[in-house]
């Protein structure tokens, strides 16, 4: 078991009760097969972190992303791994820094569907802050680069993501939009 109800309840106790968002996306067979292949040992989740450093959000890009496309870092917990340990490991791997969690913002129930087949997926979304690190991420196989973004940049990233036929990127765009509604600072 990767994530249990008790683990989720403990995070909610520490960092606040998250809201639940539901999403449904049609995907191509290739995309469906890619998502299915990522479900090693039955994994059906990711932990996504919106990490603030001063007035910027730390984002990353995967190798297959077009130039100028970034997203909030995310990764899965290993079986038996706590949220705290998994978050710290993933942030070292994906953005090369130590972070502190501020708020458990959202959980999702997502469905990726084609021809009556569906894959269910959950994201556990947190707001966090940068503590220290040199941004020398260790997962060079998955991550191309780390970047700093403004909240407004996520609108641009979302447009790029939605212009593709990749259901997973449509999901990331929807996540960005939902997080922006909840967490984007109000302009004065």
C-alpha atoms as a PDB file:
ATOM      1  CA  UNK A   1       0.000   0.000   0.000  1.00  0.00           C
ATOM      2  CA  UNK A   2       1.408   3.363  -1.028  1.00  0.00           C
ATOM      3  CA  UNK A   3      -0.950   5.850   0.655  1.00  0.00           C
ATOM      4  CA  UNK A   4      -3.443   4.960   3.368  1.00  0.00           C
ATOM      5  CA  UNK A   5      -6.422   6.869   4.733  1.00  0.00           C
ATOM      6  CA  UNK A   6      -4.546   7.159   8.048  1.00  0.00           C
ATOM      7  CA  UNK A   7      -1.576   8.778   6.291  1.00  0.00           C
ATOM      8  CA  UNK A   8      -3.869  11.289   4.564  1.00  0.00           C
ATOM      9  CA  UNK A   9      -5.640  12.060   7.857  1.00  0.00           C
ATOM     10  CA  UNK A  10      -2.299  12.661   9.601  1.00  0.00           C
ATOM     11  CA  UNK A  11      -1.226  15.132   6.892  1.00  0.00           C
ATOM     12  CA  UNK A  12      -4.595  16.911   7.162  1.00  0.00           C
ATOM     13  CA  UNK A  13      -4.137  17.141  10.941  1.00  0.00           C
ATOM     14  CA  UNK A  14      -0.694  18.751  10.506  1.00  0.00           C
ATOM     15  CA  UNK A  15      -1.282  20.940   7.453  1.00  0.00           C
ATOM     16  CA  UNK A  16      -5.028  21.559   7.164  1.00  0.00           C
ATOM     17  CA  UNK A  17      -7.967  19.801   5.578  1.00  0.00           C
ATOM     18  CA  UNK A  18      -7.529  19.712   1.793  1.00  0.00           C
ATOM     19  CA  UNK A  19     -10.352  20.267  -0.653  1.00  0.00           C
ATOM     20  CA  UNK A  20     -11.263  17.466  -3.069  1.00  0.00           C
ATOM     21  CA  UNK A  21     -11.374  18.092  -6.822  1.00  0.00           C
ATOM     22  CA  UNK A  22     -12.554  15.561  -9.407  1.00  0.00           C
ATOM     23  CA  UNK A  23     -11.290  15.455 -12.990  1.00  0.00           C
ATOM     24  CA  UNK A  24     -11.987  13.325 -16.064  1.00  0.00           C
ATOM     25  CA  UNK A  25      -9.883  13.289 -19.229  1.00  0.00           C
ATOM     26  CA  UNK A  26     -10.115  11.404 -22.489  1.00  0.00           C
ATOM     27  CA  UNK A  27      -6.709  10.126 -23.552  1.00  0.00           C
ATOM     28  CA  UNK A  28      -5.177   8.435 -26.563  1.00  0.00           C
ATOM     29  CA  UNK A  29      -4.311   4.727 -26.385  1.00  0.00           C
ATOM     30  CA  UNK A  30      -0.607   5.650 -26.308  1.00  0.00           C
ATOM     31  CA  UNK A  31      -1.170   7.991 -23.356  1.00  0.00           C
ATOM     32  CA  UNK A  32      -3.338   5.422 -21.566  1.00  0.00           C
ATOM     33  CA  UNK A  33      -0.599   2.810 -21.975  1.00  0.00           C
ATOM     34  CA  UNK A  34       2.058   5.268 -20.750  1.00  0.00           C
ATOM     35  CA  UNK A  35       0.049   6.082 -17.603  1.00  0.00           C
ATOM     36  CA  UNK A  36      -0.643   2.390 -17.025  1.00  0.00           C
ATOM     37  CA  UNK A  37       3.087   1.595 -17.354  1.00  0.00           C
ATOM     38  CA  UNK A  38       3.863   4.196 -14.660  1.00  0.00           C
ATOM     39  CA  UNK A  39       1.695   2.287 -12.179  1.00  0.00           C
ATOM     40  CA  UNK A  40       4.459   0.010 -10.952  1.00  0.00           C
ATOM     41  CA  UNK A  41       3.268  -2.185  -8.082  1.00  0.00           C
ATOM     42  CA  UNK A  42      -0.201  -0.614  -8.376  1.00  0.00           C
ATOM     43  CA  UNK A  43       0.856   2.974  -7.751  1.00  0.00           C
ATOM     44  CA  UNK A  44      -1.995   5.361  -8.546  1.00  0.00           C
ATOM     45  CA  UNK A  45      -0.862   8.641  -7.020  1.00  0.00           C
ATOM     46  CA  UNK A  46       1.559  11.528  -6.963  1.00  0.00           C
ATOM     47  CA  UNK A  47       2.462  14.186  -4.436  1.00  0.00           C
ATOM     48  CA  UNK A  48       2.666  17.616  -6.075  1.00  0.00           C
ATOM     49  CA  UNK A  49       4.401  20.557  -4.397  1.00  0.00           C
ATOM     50  CA  UNK A  50       3.996  24.242  -5.157  1.00  0.00           C
ATOM     51  CA  UNK A  51       7.206  25.493  -3.544  1.00  0.00           C
ATOM     52  CA  UNK A  52       7.608  29.232  -2.970  1.00  0.00           C
ATOM     53  CA  UNK A  53      10.979  30.941  -2.843  1.00  0.00           C
ATOM     54  CA  UNK A  54      10.425  34.580  -2.052  1.00  0.00           C
ATOM     55  CA  UNK A  55       7.862  35.709  -4.656  1.00  0.00           C
ATOM     56  CA  UNK A  56       8.539  32.868  -7.141  1.00  0.00           C
ATOM     57  CA  UNK A  57       7.362  29.275  -7.513  1.00  0.00           C
ATOM     58  CA  UNK A  58       9.998  26.599  -8.158  1.00  0.00           C
ATOM     59  CA  UNK A  59       9.062  24.545 -11.227  1.00  0.00           C
ATOM     60  CA  UNK A  60      10.773  21.971 -13.403  1.00  0.00           C
ATOM     61  CA  UNK A  61      10.680  20.623 -16.941  1.00  0.00           C
ATOM     62  CA  UNK A  62      10.875  17.063 -18.179  1.00  0.00           C
ATOM     63  CA  UNK A  63      13.067  16.234 -21.153  1.00  0.00           C
ATOM     64  CA  UNK A  64      10.151  15.789 -23.567  1.00  0.00           C
ATOM     65  CA  UNK A  65       8.566  19.154 -22.681  1.00  0.00           C
ATOM     66  CA  UNK A  66       8.769  21.852 -25.319  1.00  0.00           C
ATOM     67  CA  UNK A  67      10.834  24.935 -24.461  1.00  0.00           C
ATOM     68  CA  UNK A  68       9.030  27.292 -22.082  1.00  0.00           C
ATOM     69  CA  UNK A  69       6.875  24.589 -20.473  1.00  0.00           C
ATOM     70  CA  UNK A  70       7.286  23.947 -16.768  1.00  0.00           C
ATOM     71  CA  UNK A  71       5.211  22.430 -13.991  1.00  0.00           C
ATOM     72  CA  UNK A  72       5.164  22.019 -10.246  1.00  0.00           C
ATOM     73  CA  UNK A  73       7.416  19.136  -9.173  1.00  0.00           C
ATOM     74  CA  UNK A  74       5.740  15.879  -8.241  1.00  0.00           C
ATOM     75  CA  UNK A  75       6.508  12.275  -7.560  1.00  0.00           C
ATOM     76  CA  UNK A  76       5.240   9.158  -5.921  1.00  0.00           C
ATOM     77  CA  UNK A  77       5.690   7.750  -2.468  1.00  0.00           C
ATOM     78  CA  UNK A  78       7.313   4.338  -2.233  1.00  0.00           C
ATOM     79  CA  UNK A  79       5.433   1.528  -0.486  1.00  0.00           C
ATOM     80  CA  UNK A  80       5.734   2.054   3.278  1.00  0.00           C
ATOM     81  CA  UNK A  81       7.250   5.535   2.870  1.00  0.00           C
ATOM     82  CA  UNK A  82       5.794   8.445   4.853  1.00  0.00           C
ATOM     83  CA  UNK A  83       4.641  11.656   3.202  1.00  0.00           C
ATOM     84  CA  UNK A  84       7.479  13.529   4.936  1.00  0.00           C
ATOM     85  CA  UNK A  85      10.207  11.182   3.743  1.00  0.00           C
ATOM     86  CA  UNK A  86       8.756  10.870   0.231  1.00  0.00           C
ATOM     87  CA  UNK A  87       8.331  14.635  -0.152  1.00  0.00           C
ATOM     88  CA  UNK A  88      11.904  15.289   0.993  1.00  0.00           C
ATOM     89  CA  UNK A  89      13.285  12.601  -1.329  1.00  0.00           C
ATOM     90  CA  UNK A  90      11.289  13.796  -4.337  1.00  0.00           C
ATOM     91  CA  UNK A  91      12.210  17.453  -3.833  1.00  0.00           C
ATOM     92  CA  UNK A  92      15.918  16.548  -3.663  1.00  0.00           C
ATOM     93  CA  UNK A  93      15.520  14.470  -6.836  1.00  0.00           C
ATOM     94  CA  UNK A  94      13.387  16.950  -8.804  1.00  0.00           C
ATOM     95  CA  UNK A  95      14.436  20.446  -7.671  1.00  0.00           C
ATOM     96  CA  UNK A  96      17.574  19.963  -5.570  1.00  0.00           C
ATOM     97  CA  UNK A  97      16.488  21.645  -2.367  1.00  0.00           C
ATOM     98  CA  UNK A  98      15.016  21.181   1.070  1.00  0.00           C
ATOM     99  CA  UNK A  99      11.494  22.484   1.602  1.00  0.00           C
ATOM    100  CA  UNK A 100       9.025  22.986   4.414  1.00  0.00           C
ATOM    101  CA  UNK A 101       5.361  22.097   3.959  1.00  0.00           C
ATOM    102  CA  UNK A 102       2.914  24.905   4.766  1.00  0.00           C
ATOM    103  CA  UNK A 103      -0.512  23.648   3.716  1.00  0.00           C
ATOM    104  CA  UNK A 104      -2.245  20.478   2.499  1.00  0.00           C
ATOM    105  CA  UNK A 105      -4.160  22.237  -0.233  1.00  0.00           C
ATOM    106  CA  UNK A 106      -5.982  19.656  -2.312  1.00  0.00           C
ATOM    107  CA  UNK A 107      -6.550  16.004  -3.124  1.00  0.00           C
ATOM    108  CA  UNK A 108      -7.814  14.848  -6.488  1.00  0.00           C
ATOM    109  CA  UNK A 109      -9.686  11.951  -7.970  1.00  0.00           C
ATOM    110  CA  UNK A 110      -8.799  11.863 -11.652  1.00  0.00           C
ATOM    111  CA  UNK A 111      -9.910   9.467 -14.355  1.00  0.00           C
ATOM    112  CA  UNK A 112      -8.043   8.952 -17.643  1.00  0.00           C
ATOM    113  CA  UNK A 113     -10.359   7.192 -20.086  1.00  0.00           C
ATOM    114  CA  UNK A 114     -10.429   5.595 -23.521  1.00  0.00           C
ATOM    115  CA  UNK A 115     -12.962   3.220 -25.066  1.00  0.00           C
ATOM    116  CA  UNK A 116     -14.570   2.347 -21.744  1.00  0.00           C
ATOM    117  CA  UNK A 117     -11.250   1.709 -19.991  1.00  0.00           C
ATOM    118  CA  UNK A 118     -10.312   4.035 -17.135  1.00  0.00           C
ATOM    119  CA  UNK A 119      -7.281   4.612 -14.960  1.00  0.00           C
ATOM    120  CA  UNK A 120      -7.945   6.316 -11.652  1.00  0.00           C
ATOM    121  CA  UNK A 121      -5.294   8.608 -10.260  1.00  0.00           C
ATOM    122  CA  UNK A 122      -4.924  10.687  -7.104  1.00  0.00           C
ATOM    123  CA  UNK A 123      -2.774  13.736  -6.456  1.00  0.00           C
ATOM    124  CA  UNK A 124      -1.963  15.092  -3.031  1.00  0.00           C
ATOM    125  CA  UNK A 125      -1.162  18.781  -3.484  1.00  0.00           C
ATOM    126  CA  UNK A 126       0.766  20.853  -0.961  1.00  0.00           C
ATOM    127  CA  UNK A 127       1.982  24.436  -0.685  1.00  0.00           C
ATOM    128  CA  UNK A 128       5.515  24.670   0.645  1.00  0.00           C
ATOM    129  CA  UNK A 129       8.452  27.030   1.034  1.00  0.00           C
ATOM    130  CA  UNK A 130      12.111  26.780   0.093  1.00  0.00           C
ATOM    131  CA  UNK A 131      14.506  26.259   3.013  1.00  0.00           C
ATOM    132  CA  UNK A 132      17.890  25.632   1.388  1.00  0.00           C
ATOM    133  CA  UNK A 133      19.642  24.013  -1.528  1.00  0.00           C
ATOM    134  CA  UNK A 134      21.551  24.686  -4.714  1.00  0.00           C
ATOM    135  CA  UNK A 135      18.904  23.395  -7.186  1.00  0.00           C
ATOM    136  CA  UNK A 136      21.273  20.653  -8.335  1.00  0.00           C
ATOM    137  CA  UNK A 137      18.518  18.065  -8.747  1.00  0.00           C
ATOM    138  CA  UNK A 138      19.588  14.424  -8.891  1.00  0.00           C
ATOM    139  CA  UNK A 139      17.000  12.852 -11.230  1.00  0.00           C
ATOM    140  CA  UNK A 140      18.699  13.804 -14.497  1.00  0.00           C
ATOM    141  CA  UNK A 141      16.918  10.953 -16.298  1.00  0.00           C
ATOM    142  CA  UNK A 142      13.484  12.503 -15.713  1.00  0.00           C
ATOM    143  CA  UNK A 143      14.129  16.225 -15.170  1.00  0.00           C
ATOM    144  CA  UNK A 144      15.713  18.573 -17.728  1.00  0.00           C
ATOM    145  CA  UNK A 145      15.893  21.759 -15.664  1.00  0.00           C
ATOM    146  CA  UNK A 146      14.636  23.771 -12.713  1.00  0.00           C
ATOM    147  CA  UNK A 147      13.154  27.230 -13.227  1.00  0.00           C
ATOM    148  CA  UNK A 148      11.504  30.010 -11.202  1.00  0.00           C
ATOM    149  CA  UNK A 149       8.010  31.120 -12.187  1.00  0.00           C
ATOM    150  CA  UNK A 150       5.472  33.762 -11.296  1.00  0.00           C
ATOM    151  CA  UNK A 151       1.893  32.677 -10.603  1.00  0.00           C
ATOM    152  CA  UNK A 152       0.894  34.309 -13.905  1.00  0.00           C
ATOM    153  CA  UNK A 153       3.306  32.009 -15.779  1.00  0.00           C
ATOM    154  CA  UNK A 154       1.039  29.061 -14.954  1.00  0.00           C
ATOM    155  CA  UNK A 155      -1.595  30.516 -17.300  1.00  0.00           C
ATOM    156  CA  UNK A 156       0.982  30.303 -20.112  1.00  0.00           C
ATOM    157  CA  UNK A 157       2.034  26.774 -19.093  1.00  0.00           C
ATOM    158  CA  UNK A 158      -1.613  25.719 -19.076  1.00  0.00           C
ATOM    159  CA  UNK A 159      -2.144  26.983 -22.627  1.00  0.00           C
ATOM    160  CA  UNK A 160       0.879  24.993 -23.827  1.00  0.00           C
ATOM    161  CA  UNK A 161      -0.298  21.874 -21.983  1.00  0.00           C
ATOM    162  CA  UNK A 162      -3.817  22.102 -23.385  1.00  0.00           C
ATOM    163  CA  UNK A 163      -2.466  22.534 -26.933  1.00  0.00           C
ATOM    164  CA  UNK A 164      -1.067  18.977 -26.790  1.00  0.00           C
ATOM    165  CA  UNK A 165      -2.928  15.680 -27.125  1.00  0.00           C
ATOM    166  CA  UNK A 166      -1.412  14.457 -23.850  1.00  0.00           C
ATOM    167  CA  UNK A 167      -4.086  13.814 -21.221  1.00  0.00           C
ATOM    168  CA  UNK A 168      -1.538  13.919 -18.415  1.00  0.00           C
ATOM    169  CA  UNK A 169      -0.597  17.473 -19.412  1.00  0.00           C
ATOM    170  CA  UNK A 170      -4.268  18.464 -19.574  1.00  0.00           C
ATOM    171  CA  UNK A 171      -4.508  17.161 -16.004  1.00  0.00           C
ATOM    172  CA  UNK A 172      -1.468  19.230 -14.947  1.00  0.00           C
ATOM    173  CA  UNK A 173      -3.057  22.318 -16.509  1.00  0.00           C
ATOM    174  CA  UNK A 174      -6.251  21.675 -14.540  1.00  0.00           C
ATOM    175  CA  UNK A 175      -4.206  21.239 -11.356  1.00  0.00           C
ATOM    176  CA  UNK A 176      -2.421  24.555 -11.980  1.00  0.00           C
ATOM    177  CA  UNK A 177      -5.769  26.288 -12.455  1.00  0.00           C
ATOM    178  CA  UNK A 178      -7.268  24.779  -9.303  1.00  0.00           C
ATOM    179  CA  UNK A 179      -4.197  25.660  -7.219  1.00  0.00           C
ATOM    180  CA  UNK A 180      -4.157  29.199  -8.603  1.00  0.00           C
ATOM    181  CA  UNK A 181      -7.775  29.675  -7.496  1.00  0.00           C
ATOM    182  CA  UNK A 182      -6.852  28.591  -3.983  1.00  0.00           C
ATOM    183  CA  UNK A 183      -3.352  29.954  -3.510  1.00  0.00           C
ATOM    184  CA  UNK A 184      -2.470  32.723  -5.946  1.00  0.00           C
ATOM    185  CA  UNK A 185      -1.868  35.965  -4.069  1.00  0.00           C
ATOM    186  CA  UNK A 186      -4.466  38.618  -4.757  1.00  0.00           C
ATOM    187  CA  UNK A 187      -3.042  41.563  -6.723  1.00  0.00           C
ATOM    188  CA  UNK A 188      -3.414  44.909  -5.020  1.00  0.00           C
END
